[in-house]
């Protein structure tokens, strides 16, 4: 895993890299199932023969919603504005994450993986992953 110390992320185990941003998943050597985030055993066949893999960085919106109220603790944000959450089909796996840059989406819309600001810790920005529309 190549997470530079200059970029603070909410959970480094979610990424294989942040420059470029790539999510980490698990692939089962027995049945071929892929999951996100990475885990130590296969949820499909229970095999322990799984490895951490880099997931695709492009996908399509599978489903989405926009939240118009602030999240409750322990979730946090610096300033609340309505935001979208969606399921993104990466081909091998469907990942839930922020849909950034707008609040109206279309099912099937193409998106790319990006780093998204989660909150500010003192003077440091903490990032998570999100998806933005392909332009």
N, C-alpha and C. Protein backbone atom coordinates (compact mmCIF):
# COMPACT_ATOMS: atom_id res chain seq x y z
N UNK A 1 0.85 -1.17 0.00
CA UNK A 1 0.00 0.00 0.00
C UNK A 1 0.89 1.23 0.00
N UNK A 2 0.56 2.23 -0.83
CA UNK A 2 1.43 3.40 -0.96
C UNK A 2 0.70 4.69 -0.59
N UNK A 3 0.35 4.82 0.67
CA UNK A 3 -0.34 6.02 1.14
C UNK A 3 0.70 7.02 1.61
N UNK A 4 0.90 8.13 0.89
CA UNK A 4 1.88 9.12 1.34
C UNK A 4 1.45 9.76 2.66
N UNK A 5 2.41 10.11 3.48
CA UNK A 5 2.10 10.71 4.77
C UNK A 5 1.55 12.13 4.60
N UNK A 6 1.74 12.75 3.44
CA UNK A 6 1.28 14.12 3.23
C UNK A 6 -0.23 14.20 3.01
N UNK A 7 -0.89 13.07 2.74
CA UNK A 7 -2.34 13.06 2.55
C UNK A 7 -2.95 12.22 3.66
N UNK A 8 -3.79 12.84 4.47
CA UNK A 8 -4.46 12.12 5.55
C UNK A 8 -5.79 11.61 5.05
N UNK A 9 -6.02 10.30 5.20
CA UNK A 9 -7.27 9.68 4.77
C UNK A 9 -8.00 9.10 5.97
N UNK A 10 -9.32 8.95 5.83
CA UNK A 10 -10.14 8.45 6.93
C UNK A 10 -9.75 7.04 7.35
N UNK A 11 -9.31 6.22 6.38
CA UNK A 11 -8.91 4.85 6.68
C UNK A 11 -8.01 4.36 5.55
N UNK A 12 -6.73 4.24 5.82
CA UNK A 12 -5.76 3.86 4.80
C UNK A 12 -6.02 2.48 4.21
N UNK A 13 -6.71 1.59 4.94
CA UNK A 13 -6.97 0.25 4.42
C UNK A 13 -7.95 0.25 3.26
N UNK A 14 -8.63 1.38 3.01
CA UNK A 14 -9.57 1.47 1.89
C UNK A 14 -8.86 1.67 0.56
N UNK A 15 -7.57 2.00 0.58
CA UNK A 15 -6.85 2.39 -0.63
C UNK A 15 -5.63 1.50 -0.88
N UNK A 16 -5.33 1.27 -2.17
CA UNK A 16 -4.03 0.73 -2.52
C UNK A 16 -3.09 1.88 -2.85
N UNK A 17 -3.66 3.03 -3.21
CA UNK A 17 -2.88 4.23 -3.54
C UNK A 17 -3.80 5.44 -3.42
N UNK A 18 -3.22 6.59 -3.09
CA UNK A 18 -3.99 7.84 -3.15
C UNK A 18 -3.47 8.77 -4.24
N UNK A 19 -2.34 8.42 -4.86
CA UNK A 19 -1.80 9.23 -5.95
C UNK A 19 -1.18 8.32 -6.99
N UNK A 20 -1.97 7.79 -7.92
CA UNK A 20 -3.37 8.08 -8.17
C UNK A 20 -4.27 7.37 -7.16
N UNK A 21 -5.50 7.87 -7.00
CA UNK A 21 -6.43 7.26 -6.05
C UNK A 21 -6.97 5.94 -6.62
N UNK A 22 -6.77 4.87 -5.82
CA UNK A 22 -7.23 3.53 -6.21
C UNK A 22 -7.74 2.84 -4.94
N UNK A 23 -8.94 2.29 -5.02
CA UNK A 23 -9.51 1.57 -3.87
C UNK A 23 -8.95 0.16 -3.79
N UNK A 24 -8.88 -0.35 -2.57
CA UNK A 24 -8.46 -1.73 -2.30
C UNK A 24 -9.69 -2.59 -2.09
N UNK A 25 -9.70 -3.73 -2.73
CA UNK A 25 -10.76 -4.72 -2.52
C UNK A 25 -10.13 -6.06 -2.23
N UNK A 26 -10.97 -7.06 -2.08
CA UNK A 26 -10.49 -8.44 -1.91
C UNK A 26 -11.02 -9.27 -3.07
N UNK A 27 -10.19 -10.21 -3.53
CA UNK A 27 -10.58 -11.15 -4.58
C UNK A 27 -10.36 -12.56 -4.05
N UNK A 28 -11.35 -13.39 -4.22
CA UNK A 28 -11.27 -14.79 -3.77
C UNK A 28 -10.67 -15.64 -4.89
N UNK A 29 -9.63 -16.39 -4.55
CA UNK A 29 -8.98 -17.26 -5.53
C UNK A 29 -9.81 -18.50 -5.83
N UNK A 30 -10.75 -18.84 -4.94
CA UNK A 30 -11.56 -20.05 -5.13
C UNK A 30 -12.77 -19.78 -6.02
N UNK A 31 -13.57 -18.77 -5.68
CA UNK A 31 -14.82 -18.56 -6.42
C UNK A 31 -14.81 -17.29 -7.28
N UNK A 32 -13.77 -16.44 -7.12
CA UNK A 32 -13.66 -15.25 -7.94
C UNK A 32 -14.43 -14.04 -7.44
N UNK A 33 -15.09 -14.15 -6.29
CA UNK A 33 -15.85 -13.03 -5.75
C UNK A 33 -14.93 -11.86 -5.40
N UNK A 34 -15.40 -10.66 -5.65
CA UNK A 34 -14.69 -9.43 -5.26
C UNK A 34 -15.54 -8.68 -4.26
N UNK A 35 -14.90 -8.06 -3.25
CA UNK A 35 -15.62 -7.29 -2.25
C UNK A 35 -14.85 -6.02 -1.92
N UNK A 36 -15.59 -5.05 -1.41
CA UNK A 36 -15.01 -3.81 -0.89
C UNK A 36 -15.75 -3.49 0.39
N UNK A 37 -15.01 -3.08 1.43
CA UNK A 37 -13.56 -2.99 1.55
C UNK A 37 -12.94 -4.39 1.66
N UNK A 38 -11.59 -4.45 1.62
CA UNK A 38 -10.94 -5.77 1.68
C UNK A 38 -11.19 -6.46 3.01
N UNK A 39 -11.37 -7.78 2.93
CA UNK A 39 -11.58 -8.61 4.12
C UNK A 39 -10.72 -9.86 4.01
N UNK A 40 -10.64 -10.63 5.09
CA UNK A 40 -9.72 -11.76 5.14
C UNK A 40 -10.33 -13.09 4.70
N UNK A 41 -11.65 -13.14 4.54
CA UNK A 41 -12.26 -14.39 4.05
C UNK A 41 -13.37 -14.02 3.07
N UNK A 42 -13.68 -14.96 2.22
CA UNK A 42 -14.68 -14.72 1.17
C UNK A 42 -16.10 -14.82 1.74
N UNK A 43 -16.93 -13.79 1.52
CA UNK A 43 -18.30 -13.84 2.02
C UNK A 43 -19.19 -14.77 1.18
N UNK A 44 -18.72 -15.18 0.01
CA UNK A 44 -19.50 -16.05 -0.86
C UNK A 44 -19.27 -17.52 -0.56
N UNK A 45 -17.98 -17.93 -0.45
CA UNK A 45 -17.67 -19.36 -0.26
C UNK A 45 -16.91 -19.66 1.03
N UNK A 46 -16.61 -18.63 1.81
CA UNK A 46 -15.91 -18.74 3.10
C UNK A 46 -14.44 -19.11 2.98
N UNK A 47 -13.89 -19.11 1.79
CA UNK A 47 -12.47 -19.42 1.61
C UNK A 47 -11.60 -18.36 2.29
N UNK A 48 -10.46 -18.80 2.78
CA UNK A 48 -9.46 -17.88 3.33
C UNK A 48 -8.43 -17.51 2.27
N UNK A 49 -8.57 -18.04 1.06
CA UNK A 49 -7.64 -17.79 -0.04
C UNK A 49 -8.07 -16.53 -0.79
N UNK A 50 -7.89 -15.39 -0.13
CA UNK A 50 -8.25 -14.10 -0.73
C UNK A 50 -7.00 -13.22 -0.74
N UNK A 51 -6.97 -12.30 -1.69
CA UNK A 51 -5.88 -11.35 -1.75
C UNK A 51 -6.42 -9.95 -1.95
N UNK A 52 -5.66 -8.97 -1.50
CA UNK A 52 -6.03 -7.57 -1.71
C UNK A 52 -5.70 -7.21 -3.15
N UNK A 53 -6.65 -6.56 -3.81
CA UNK A 53 -6.49 -6.18 -5.21
C UNK A 53 -6.89 -4.72 -5.39
N UNK A 54 -6.37 -4.10 -6.44
CA UNK A 54 -6.77 -2.76 -6.83
C UNK A 54 -8.08 -2.86 -7.61
N UNK A 55 -9.04 -2.02 -7.25
CA UNK A 55 -10.33 -2.02 -7.94
C UNK A 55 -10.32 -1.02 -9.09
N UNK A 56 -11.20 -1.20 -10.07
CA UNK A 56 -11.29 -0.23 -11.17
C UNK A 56 -11.61 1.17 -10.64
N UNK A 57 -11.16 2.18 -11.36
CA UNK A 57 -11.37 3.57 -10.94
C UNK A 57 -12.50 4.25 -11.71
N UNK A 58 -13.12 3.55 -12.64
CA UNK A 58 -14.26 4.08 -13.38
C UNK A 58 -15.43 3.13 -13.24
N UNK A 59 -16.62 3.70 -13.22
CA UNK A 59 -17.81 2.87 -13.11
C UNK A 59 -19.04 3.66 -13.51
N UNK A 60 -20.20 3.11 -13.15
CA UNK A 60 -21.47 3.78 -13.44
C UNK A 60 -22.33 3.84 -12.18
N UNK A 61 -23.13 4.88 -12.09
CA UNK A 61 -24.05 5.03 -10.96
C UNK A 61 -25.10 3.92 -11.06
N UNK A 62 -25.22 3.13 -10.03
CA UNK A 62 -26.17 2.03 -9.97
C UNK A 62 -27.45 2.48 -9.28
N UNK A 63 -27.30 3.32 -8.24
CA UNK A 63 -28.43 3.90 -7.51
C UNK A 63 -27.89 5.08 -6.71
N UNK A 64 -28.75 6.02 -6.34
CA UNK A 64 -28.27 7.19 -5.60
C UNK A 64 -29.42 7.88 -4.86
N UNK A 65 -29.02 8.71 -3.90
CA UNK A 65 -29.96 9.58 -3.20
C UNK A 65 -29.18 10.81 -2.73
N UNK A 66 -29.90 11.89 -2.49
CA UNK A 66 -29.27 13.10 -1.95
C UNK A 66 -29.81 13.34 -0.56
N UNK A 67 -28.90 13.56 0.38
CA UNK A 67 -29.27 13.81 1.78
C UNK A 67 -29.33 15.31 2.02
N UNK A 68 -30.46 15.77 2.53
CA UNK A 68 -30.69 17.20 2.74
C UNK A 68 -30.64 17.60 4.21
N UNK A 69 -30.12 16.73 5.07
CA UNK A 69 -29.96 17.07 6.48
C UNK A 69 -28.58 16.62 6.95
N UNK A 70 -28.07 17.29 7.97
CA UNK A 70 -26.71 17.01 8.46
C UNK A 70 -26.64 15.62 9.08
N UNK A 71 -25.52 14.91 8.86
CA UNK A 71 -25.36 13.60 9.48
C UNK A 71 -25.21 13.73 10.99
N UNK A 72 -25.66 12.72 11.70
CA UNK A 72 -25.58 12.70 13.16
C UNK A 72 -24.24 12.09 13.58
N UNK A 73 -23.75 12.46 14.80
CA UNK A 73 -22.51 11.87 15.30
C UNK A 73 -22.62 10.35 15.32
N UNK A 74 -21.54 9.64 15.05
CA UNK A 74 -20.16 10.08 15.03
C UNK A 74 -19.70 10.61 13.67
N UNK A 75 -20.58 10.68 12.69
CA UNK A 75 -20.21 11.20 11.38
C UNK A 75 -20.00 12.69 11.49
N UNK A 76 -19.12 13.22 10.65
CA UNK A 76 -18.81 14.64 10.80
C UNK A 76 -18.50 15.28 9.46
N UNK A 77 -18.62 16.59 9.46
CA UNK A 77 -18.29 17.41 8.31
C UNK A 77 -17.99 18.81 8.84
N UNK A 78 -17.23 19.58 8.10
CA UNK A 78 -16.93 20.95 8.54
C UNK A 78 -18.15 21.84 8.42
N UNK A 79 -18.75 21.84 7.25
CA UNK A 79 -19.96 22.63 6.99
C UNK A 79 -20.92 21.74 6.23
N UNK A 80 -22.18 21.76 6.62
CA UNK A 80 -23.14 20.91 5.93
C UNK A 80 -23.69 21.59 4.69
N UNK A 81 -23.70 20.86 3.61
CA UNK A 81 -24.45 21.19 2.40
C UNK A 81 -25.04 19.87 1.93
N UNK A 82 -26.19 19.89 1.26
CA UNK A 82 -26.74 18.63 0.76
C UNK A 82 -25.69 17.86 -0.05
N UNK A 83 -25.69 16.54 0.09
CA UNK A 83 -24.71 15.71 -0.61
C UNK A 83 -25.37 14.43 -1.09
N UNK A 84 -24.77 13.87 -2.13
CA UNK A 84 -25.30 12.63 -2.69
C UNK A 84 -24.45 11.44 -2.27
N UNK A 85 -25.13 10.34 -2.04
CA UNK A 85 -24.52 9.05 -1.75
C UNK A 85 -25.05 8.09 -2.80
N UNK A 86 -24.20 7.21 -3.27
CA UNK A 86 -24.69 6.29 -4.28
C UNK A 86 -23.95 4.97 -4.26
N UNK A 87 -24.51 4.04 -4.99
CA UNK A 87 -23.84 2.78 -5.27
C UNK A 87 -23.26 2.91 -6.67
N UNK A 88 -21.97 2.59 -6.80
CA UNK A 88 -21.29 2.69 -8.08
C UNK A 88 -20.86 1.29 -8.51
N UNK A 89 -21.28 0.90 -9.71
CA UNK A 89 -20.92 -0.40 -10.27
C UNK A 89 -19.55 -0.28 -10.93
N UNK A 90 -18.55 -0.93 -10.33
CA UNK A 90 -17.20 -0.93 -10.87
C UNK A 90 -16.92 -2.16 -11.74
N UNK A 91 -17.98 -2.91 -12.03
CA UNK A 91 -17.82 -4.11 -12.85
C UNK A 91 -17.59 -5.35 -12.01
N UNK A 92 -16.55 -5.33 -11.20
CA UNK A 92 -16.24 -6.47 -10.33
C UNK A 92 -17.03 -6.44 -9.03
N UNK A 93 -17.44 -5.24 -8.62
CA UNK A 93 -18.09 -5.05 -7.33
C UNK A 93 -18.86 -3.74 -7.37
N UNK A 94 -19.90 -3.64 -6.55
CA UNK A 94 -20.64 -2.38 -6.41
C UNK A 94 -20.20 -1.75 -5.08
N UNK A 95 -19.78 -0.48 -5.15
CA UNK A 95 -19.22 0.23 -4.00
C UNK A 95 -20.14 1.38 -3.62
N UNK A 96 -20.39 1.56 -2.33
CA UNK A 96 -21.15 2.70 -1.85
C UNK A 96 -20.18 3.83 -1.54
N UNK A 97 -20.50 5.04 -1.98
CA UNK A 97 -19.63 6.18 -1.69
C UNK A 97 -20.30 7.49 -2.02
N UNK A 98 -19.59 8.56 -1.70
CA UNK A 98 -20.08 9.90 -2.02
C UNK A 98 -20.08 10.09 -3.52
N UNK A 99 -21.08 10.79 -4.01
CA UNK A 99 -21.12 11.27 -5.38
C UNK A 99 -20.91 12.77 -5.27
N UNK A 100 -19.79 13.26 -5.78
CA UNK A 100 -19.38 14.64 -5.52
C UNK A 100 -19.57 15.54 -6.73
N UNK A 101 -19.76 16.83 -6.44
CA UNK A 101 -19.80 17.84 -7.49
C UNK A 101 -21.19 18.28 -7.89
N UNK A 102 -22.20 17.51 -7.52
CA UNK A 102 -23.58 17.89 -7.84
C UNK A 102 -24.53 17.03 -7.02
N UNK A 103 -25.82 17.33 -7.08
CA UNK A 103 -26.79 16.56 -6.31
C UNK A 103 -27.87 15.92 -7.17
N UNK A 104 -27.76 15.99 -8.46
CA UNK A 104 -28.68 15.31 -9.37
C UNK A 104 -27.88 14.36 -10.26
N UNK A 105 -28.24 13.10 -10.23
CA UNK A 105 -27.50 12.06 -10.94
C UNK A 105 -28.45 11.24 -11.78
N UNK A 106 -27.93 10.45 -12.68
CA UNK A 106 -28.72 9.54 -13.49
C UNK A 106 -28.16 8.13 -13.33
N UNK A 107 -29.05 7.17 -13.18
CA UNK A 107 -28.61 5.79 -13.13
C UNK A 107 -27.94 5.46 -14.46
N UNK A 108 -26.78 4.85 -14.39
CA UNK A 108 -25.99 4.55 -15.58
C UNK A 108 -24.98 5.63 -15.93
N UNK A 109 -25.02 6.77 -15.23
CA UNK A 109 -24.07 7.85 -15.49
C UNK A 109 -22.65 7.39 -15.18
N UNK A 110 -21.71 7.72 -16.05
CA UNK A 110 -20.32 7.33 -15.87
C UNK A 110 -19.65 8.23 -14.83
N UNK A 111 -18.86 7.60 -13.94
CA UNK A 111 -18.16 8.33 -12.89
C UNK A 111 -16.73 7.83 -12.76
N UNK A 112 -15.87 8.70 -12.20
CA UNK A 112 -14.47 8.39 -11.90
C UNK A 112 -14.25 8.50 -10.41
N UNK A 113 -13.34 7.69 -9.90
CA UNK A 113 -12.95 7.73 -8.49
C UNK A 113 -12.09 8.96 -8.23
N UNK A 114 -12.34 9.66 -7.12
CA UNK A 114 -11.56 10.84 -6.73
C UNK A 114 -11.37 10.83 -5.21
N UNK A 115 -10.40 11.62 -4.75
CA UNK A 115 -10.32 11.91 -3.31
C UNK A 115 -11.31 13.02 -3.03
N UNK A 116 -12.02 12.91 -1.92
CA UNK A 116 -13.02 13.90 -1.54
C UNK A 116 -12.74 14.36 -0.11
N UNK A 117 -12.85 15.64 0.12
CA UNK A 117 -12.64 16.17 1.47
C UNK A 117 -13.72 15.64 2.41
N UNK A 118 -13.27 15.04 3.50
CA UNK A 118 -14.20 14.56 4.51
C UNK A 118 -14.42 15.62 5.58
N UNK A 119 -13.33 16.14 6.17
CA UNK A 119 -13.38 17.19 7.18
C UNK A 119 -11.99 17.75 7.37
N UNK A 120 -11.89 18.78 8.21
CA UNK A 120 -10.59 19.36 8.54
C UNK A 120 -10.27 19.03 9.98
N UNK A 121 -9.07 18.53 10.20
CA UNK A 121 -8.55 18.20 11.53
C UNK A 121 -7.53 19.27 11.87
N UNK A 122 -7.89 20.22 12.74
CA UNK A 122 -7.04 21.37 13.00
C UNK A 122 -6.77 22.07 11.67
N UNK A 123 -5.56 21.99 11.11
CA UNK A 123 -5.31 22.65 9.83
C UNK A 123 -5.15 21.65 8.68
N UNK A 124 -5.25 20.35 8.98
CA UNK A 124 -5.07 19.32 7.95
C UNK A 124 -6.41 18.84 7.41
N UNK A 125 -6.48 18.68 6.10
CA UNK A 125 -7.67 18.13 5.48
C UNK A 125 -7.60 16.62 5.50
N UNK A 126 -8.70 15.99 5.91
CA UNK A 126 -8.81 14.54 5.92
C UNK A 126 -9.68 14.15 4.72
N UNK A 127 -9.19 13.18 3.95
CA UNK A 127 -9.88 12.78 2.72
C UNK A 127 -10.50 11.40 2.84
N UNK A 128 -11.54 11.20 2.04
CA UNK A 128 -12.13 9.88 1.82
C UNK A 128 -12.20 9.71 0.31
N UNK A 129 -12.90 8.70 -0.14
CA UNK A 129 -13.06 8.52 -1.57
C UNK A 129 -14.46 8.99 -1.98
N UNK A 130 -14.57 9.34 -3.22
CA UNK A 130 -15.85 9.71 -3.79
C UNK A 130 -15.81 9.44 -5.29
N UNK A 131 -16.90 9.73 -5.94
CA UNK A 131 -16.98 9.56 -7.39
C UNK A 131 -17.55 10.84 -7.98
N UNK A 132 -16.96 11.28 -9.10
CA UNK A 132 -17.47 12.46 -9.80
C UNK A 132 -17.83 12.08 -11.23
N UNK A 133 -18.73 12.85 -11.81
CA UNK A 133 -19.19 12.58 -13.16
C UNK A 133 -18.04 12.70 -14.15
N UNK A 134 -18.03 11.80 -15.12
CA UNK A 134 -17.06 11.89 -16.22
C UNK A 134 -17.51 13.03 -17.12
N UNK A 135 -16.57 13.93 -17.42
CA UNK A 135 -16.94 15.07 -18.26
C UNK A 135 -16.39 14.92 -19.67
